[in-house]
C-alpha atoms as a PDB file:
ATOM      1  CA  UNK A   1      43.314  90.432  70.419  1.00  0.00           C
ATOM      2  CA  UNK A   2      41.358  87.340  69.428  1.00  0.00           C
ATOM      3  CA  UNK A   3      40.923  84.756  72.227  1.00  0.00           C
ATOM      4  CA  UNK A   4      42.504  81.341  71.677  1.00  0.00           C
ATOM      5  CA  UNK A   5      42.912  78.209  73.749  1.00  0.00           C
ATOM      6  CA  UNK A   6      44.903  74.995  73.458  1.00  0.00           C
ATOM      7  CA  UNK A   7      43.666  71.767  75.048  1.00  0.00           C
ATOM      8  CA  UNK A   8      46.920  70.014  75.893  1.00  0.00           C
ATOM      9  CA  UNK A   9      45.530  66.896  77.517  1.00  0.00           C
ATOM     10  CA  UNK A  10      42.403  65.347  78.943  1.00  0.00           C
ATOM     11  CA  UNK A  11      43.166  62.808  81.662  1.00  0.00           C
ATOM     12  CA  UNK A  12      40.994  60.349  83.518  1.00  0.00           C
ATOM     13  CA  UNK A  13      41.386  57.038  85.276  1.00  0.00           C
ATOM     14  CA  UNK A  14      40.695  53.779  83.444  1.00  0.00           C
ATOM     15  CA  UNK A  15      37.728  54.887  81.319  1.00  0.00           C
ATOM     16  CA  UNK A  16      35.533  51.917  82.267  1.00  0.00           C
ATOM     17  CA  UNK A  17      33.100  52.927  84.999  1.00  0.00           C
ATOM     18  CA  UNK A  18      30.008  51.679  86.755  1.00  0.00           C
ATOM     19  CA  UNK A  19      26.716  53.441  86.189  1.00  0.00           C
ATOM     20  CA  UNK A  20      25.550  56.373  88.291  1.00  0.00           C
ATOM     21  CA  UNK A  21      28.902  57.103  89.948  1.00  0.00           C
ATOM     22  CA  UNK A  22      30.672  60.441  90.279  1.00  0.00           C
ATOM     23  CA  UNK A  23      33.915  60.728  88.275  1.00  0.00           C
ATOM     24  CA  UNK A  24      36.411  63.529  87.665  1.00  0.00           C
ATOM     25  CA  UNK A  25      38.456  64.217  84.531  1.00  0.00           C
ATOM     26  CA  UNK A  26      41.259  66.785  84.316  1.00  0.00           C
ATOM     27  CA  UNK A  27      42.178  68.876  81.263  1.00  0.00           C
ATOM     28  CA  UNK A  28      45.161  71.178  80.830  1.00  0.00           C
ATOM     29  CA  UNK A  29      44.129  74.375  79.052  1.00  0.00           C
ATOM     30  CA  UNK A  30      46.612  76.935  77.746  1.00  0.00           C
ATOM     31  CA  UNK A  31      46.036  80.544  76.713  1.00  0.00           C
ATOM     32  CA  UNK A  32      48.616  81.132  73.931  1.00  0.00           C
ATOM     33  CA  UNK A  33      47.790  84.842  73.562  1.00  0.00           C
ATOM     34  CA  UNK A  34      49.278  88.035  74.959  1.00  0.00           C
ATOM     35  CA  UNK A  35      46.045  88.846  76.846  1.00  0.00           C
ATOM     36  CA  UNK A  36      44.224  87.239  79.786  1.00  0.00           C
ATOM     37  CA  UNK A  37      40.866  85.689  78.882  1.00  0.00           C
ATOM     38  CA  UNK A  38      37.968  84.081  80.725  1.00  0.00           C
ATOM     39  CA  UNK A  39      36.618  80.950  79.066  1.00  0.00           C
ATOM     40  CA  UNK A  40      33.442  78.910  79.526  1.00  0.00           C
ATOM     41  CA  UNK A  41      34.153  75.171  79.623  1.00  0.00           C
ATOM     42  CA  UNK A  42      31.983  72.054  79.586  1.00  0.00           C
ATOM     43  CA  UNK A  43      32.850  68.357  79.524  1.00  0.00           C
ATOM     44  CA  UNK A  44      30.174  65.914  78.414  1.00  0.00           C
ATOM     45  CA  UNK A  45      29.607  62.338  77.251  1.00  0.00           C
ATOM     46  CA  UNK A  46      27.973  61.667  73.889  1.00  0.00           C
ATOM     47  CA  UNK A  47      27.327  64.276  71.215  1.00  0.00           C
ATOM     48  CA  UNK A  48      23.786  64.675  72.608  1.00  0.00           C
ATOM     49  CA  UNK A  49      25.192  65.418  76.088  1.00  0.00           C
ATOM     50  CA  UNK A  50      23.932  62.263  77.800  1.00  0.00           C
ATOM     51  CA  UNK A  51      25.601  63.644  80.953  1.00  0.00           C
ATOM     52  CA  UNK A  52      27.510  66.888  81.463  1.00  0.00           C
ATOM     53  CA  UNK A  53      29.764  68.580  83.975  1.00  0.00           C
ATOM     54  CA  UNK A  54      27.736  71.750  83.437  1.00  0.00           C
ATOM     55  CA  UNK A  55      29.250  75.017  82.272  1.00  0.00           C
ATOM     56  CA  UNK A  56      32.122  76.438  84.282  1.00  0.00           C
ATOM     57  CA  UNK A  57      34.250  79.544  83.979  1.00  0.00           C
ATOM     58  CA  UNK A  58      38.052  79.693  84.066  1.00  0.00           C
ATOM     59  CA  UNK A  59      40.411  82.617  83.685  1.00  0.00           C
ATOM     60  CA  UNK A  60      43.825  81.885  82.203  1.00  0.00           C
ATOM     61  CA  UNK A  61      46.569  84.541  82.328  1.00  0.00           C
ATOM     62  CA  UNK A  62      48.771  85.598  79.420  1.00  0.00           C
ATOM     63  CA  UNK A  63      50.625  82.558  78.064  1.00  0.00           C
ATOM     64  CA  UNK A  64      49.536  80.541  81.094  1.00  0.00           C
ATOM     65  CA  UNK A  65      48.190  77.037  81.588  1.00  0.00           C
ATOM     66  CA  UNK A  66      45.591  75.780  84.012  1.00  0.00           C
ATOM     67  CA  UNK A  67      44.570  72.263  85.060  1.00  0.00           C
ATOM     68  CA  UNK A  68      40.768  72.188  85.137  1.00  0.00           C
ATOM     69  CA  UNK A  69      38.776  69.430  86.878  1.00  0.00           C
ATOM     70  CA  UNK A  70      35.403  68.335  85.513  1.00  0.00           C
ATOM     71  CA  UNK A  71      33.080  66.201  87.641  1.00  0.00           C
ATOM     72  CA  UNK A  72      30.023  64.388  86.340  1.00  0.00           C
ATOM     73  CA  UNK A  73      27.797  61.473  87.297  1.00  0.00           C
ATOM     74  CA  UNK A  74      28.084  58.613  84.814  1.00  0.00           C
ATOM     75  CA  UNK A  75      25.065  57.522  82.739  1.00  0.00           C
ATOM     76  CA  UNK A  76      22.855  54.678  83.936  1.00  0.00           C
ATOM     77  CA  UNK A  77      22.785  52.963  80.527  1.00  0.00           C
ATOM     78  CA  UNK A  78      25.563  50.590  79.438  1.00  0.00           C
ATOM     79  CA  UNK A  79      27.324  51.939  76.350  1.00  0.00           C
ATOM     80  CA  UNK A  80      30.536  53.428  75.028  1.00  0.00           C
ATOM     81  CA  UNK A  81      30.381  57.232  75.103  1.00  0.00           C
ATOM     82  CA  UNK A  82      32.711  59.655  73.294  1.00  0.00           C
ATOM     83  CA  UNK A  83      34.077  62.382  75.602  1.00  0.00           C
ATOM     84  CA  UNK A  84      33.857  66.013  74.453  1.00  0.00           C
ATOM     85  CA  UNK A  85      35.256  69.212  75.896  1.00  0.00           C
ATOM     86  CA  UNK A  86      33.909  72.515  74.584  1.00  0.00           C
ATOM     87  CA  UNK A  87      35.699  75.795  75.285  1.00  0.00           C
ATOM     88  CA  UNK A  88      33.889  79.063  74.606  1.00  0.00           C
ATOM     89  CA  UNK A  89      34.704  82.740  74.849  1.00  0.00           C
ATOM     90  CA  UNK A  90      31.503  84.760  75.081  1.00  0.00           C
ATOM     91  CA  UNK A  91      29.337  83.254  72.306  1.00  0.00           C
ATOM     92  CA  UNK A  92      32.216  81.889  70.199  1.00  0.00           C
ATOM     93  CA  UNK A  93      33.110  78.198  70.327  1.00  0.00           C
ATOM     94  CA  UNK A  94      36.933  78.091  70.324  1.00  0.00           C
ATOM     95  CA  UNK A  95      37.452  74.322  70.700  1.00  0.00           C
ATOM     96  CA  UNK A  96      35.237  71.268  70.298  1.00  0.00           C
ATOM     97  CA  UNK A  97      37.736  68.720  71.614  1.00  0.00           C
ATOM     98  CA  UNK A  98      37.174  64.962  71.276  1.00  0.00           C
ATOM     99  CA  UNK A  99      39.135  62.804  73.742  1.00  0.00           C
ATOM    100  CA  UNK A 100      41.194  59.923  72.374  1.00  0.00           C
ATOM    101  CA  UNK A 101      39.348  57.321  74.486  1.00  0.00           C
ATOM    102  CA  UNK A 102      35.649  56.736  75.037  1.00  0.00           C
ATOM    103  CA  UNK A 103      34.132  56.221  78.468  1.00  0.00           C
ATOM    104  CA  UNK A 104      32.605  52.759  78.774  1.00  0.00           C
ATOM    105  CA  UNK A 105      29.760  52.226  81.229  1.00  0.00           C
ATOM    106  CA  UNK A 106      29.302  48.702  82.581  1.00  0.00           C
ATOM    107  CA  UNK A 107      26.515  47.669  84.905  1.00  0.00           C
ATOM    108  CA  UNK A 108      27.664  44.894  87.238  1.00  0.00           C
ATOM    109  CA  UNK A 109      25.196  42.395  88.668  1.00  0.00           C
ATOM    110  CA  UNK A 110      24.201  43.034  92.241  1.00  0.00           C
ATOM    111  CA  UNK A 111      21.289  42.261  94.496  1.00  0.00           C
ATOM    112  CA  UNK A 112      19.911  43.580  97.756  1.00  0.00           C
ATOM    113  CA  UNK A 113      18.268  41.078 100.086  1.00  0.00           C
ATOM    114  CA  UNK A 114      15.799  42.366 102.590  1.00  0.00           C
ATOM    115  CA  UNK A 115      15.036  40.616 105.865  1.00  0.00           C
ATOM    116  CA  UNK A 116      13.719  37.071 105.732  1.00  0.00           C
ATOM    117  CA  UNK A 117      10.326  36.977 107.432  1.00  0.00           C
ATOM    118  CA  UNK A 118       8.720  33.731 108.628  1.00  0.00           C
ATOM    119  CA  UNK A 119       4.976  33.598 108.835  1.00  0.00           C
END
């Protein structure tokens, strides 16, 4: 039996984030086959993988679905980044999924003031 997978959805909060913060996205993956398979999964921003969740492994039973969480730290550079989810079985790429919304990184102005020292 040939492994297959369906990416049903990729959910995240409002896709505008600050830089350097930890965020989690959730994807629903479905195994539409009559055999259990273990898949390697990775969520990343930008086709060059500016940041990545790293590779993870999930096992989905026959005809089953699984909500998978992906955590990554957002890039430090302001930009709009496409969101990709790759699903592999062994060395075969089954899905190269592009989310419908980009993640936008905005750097807000801030300042840290140290102690005022009189001399």
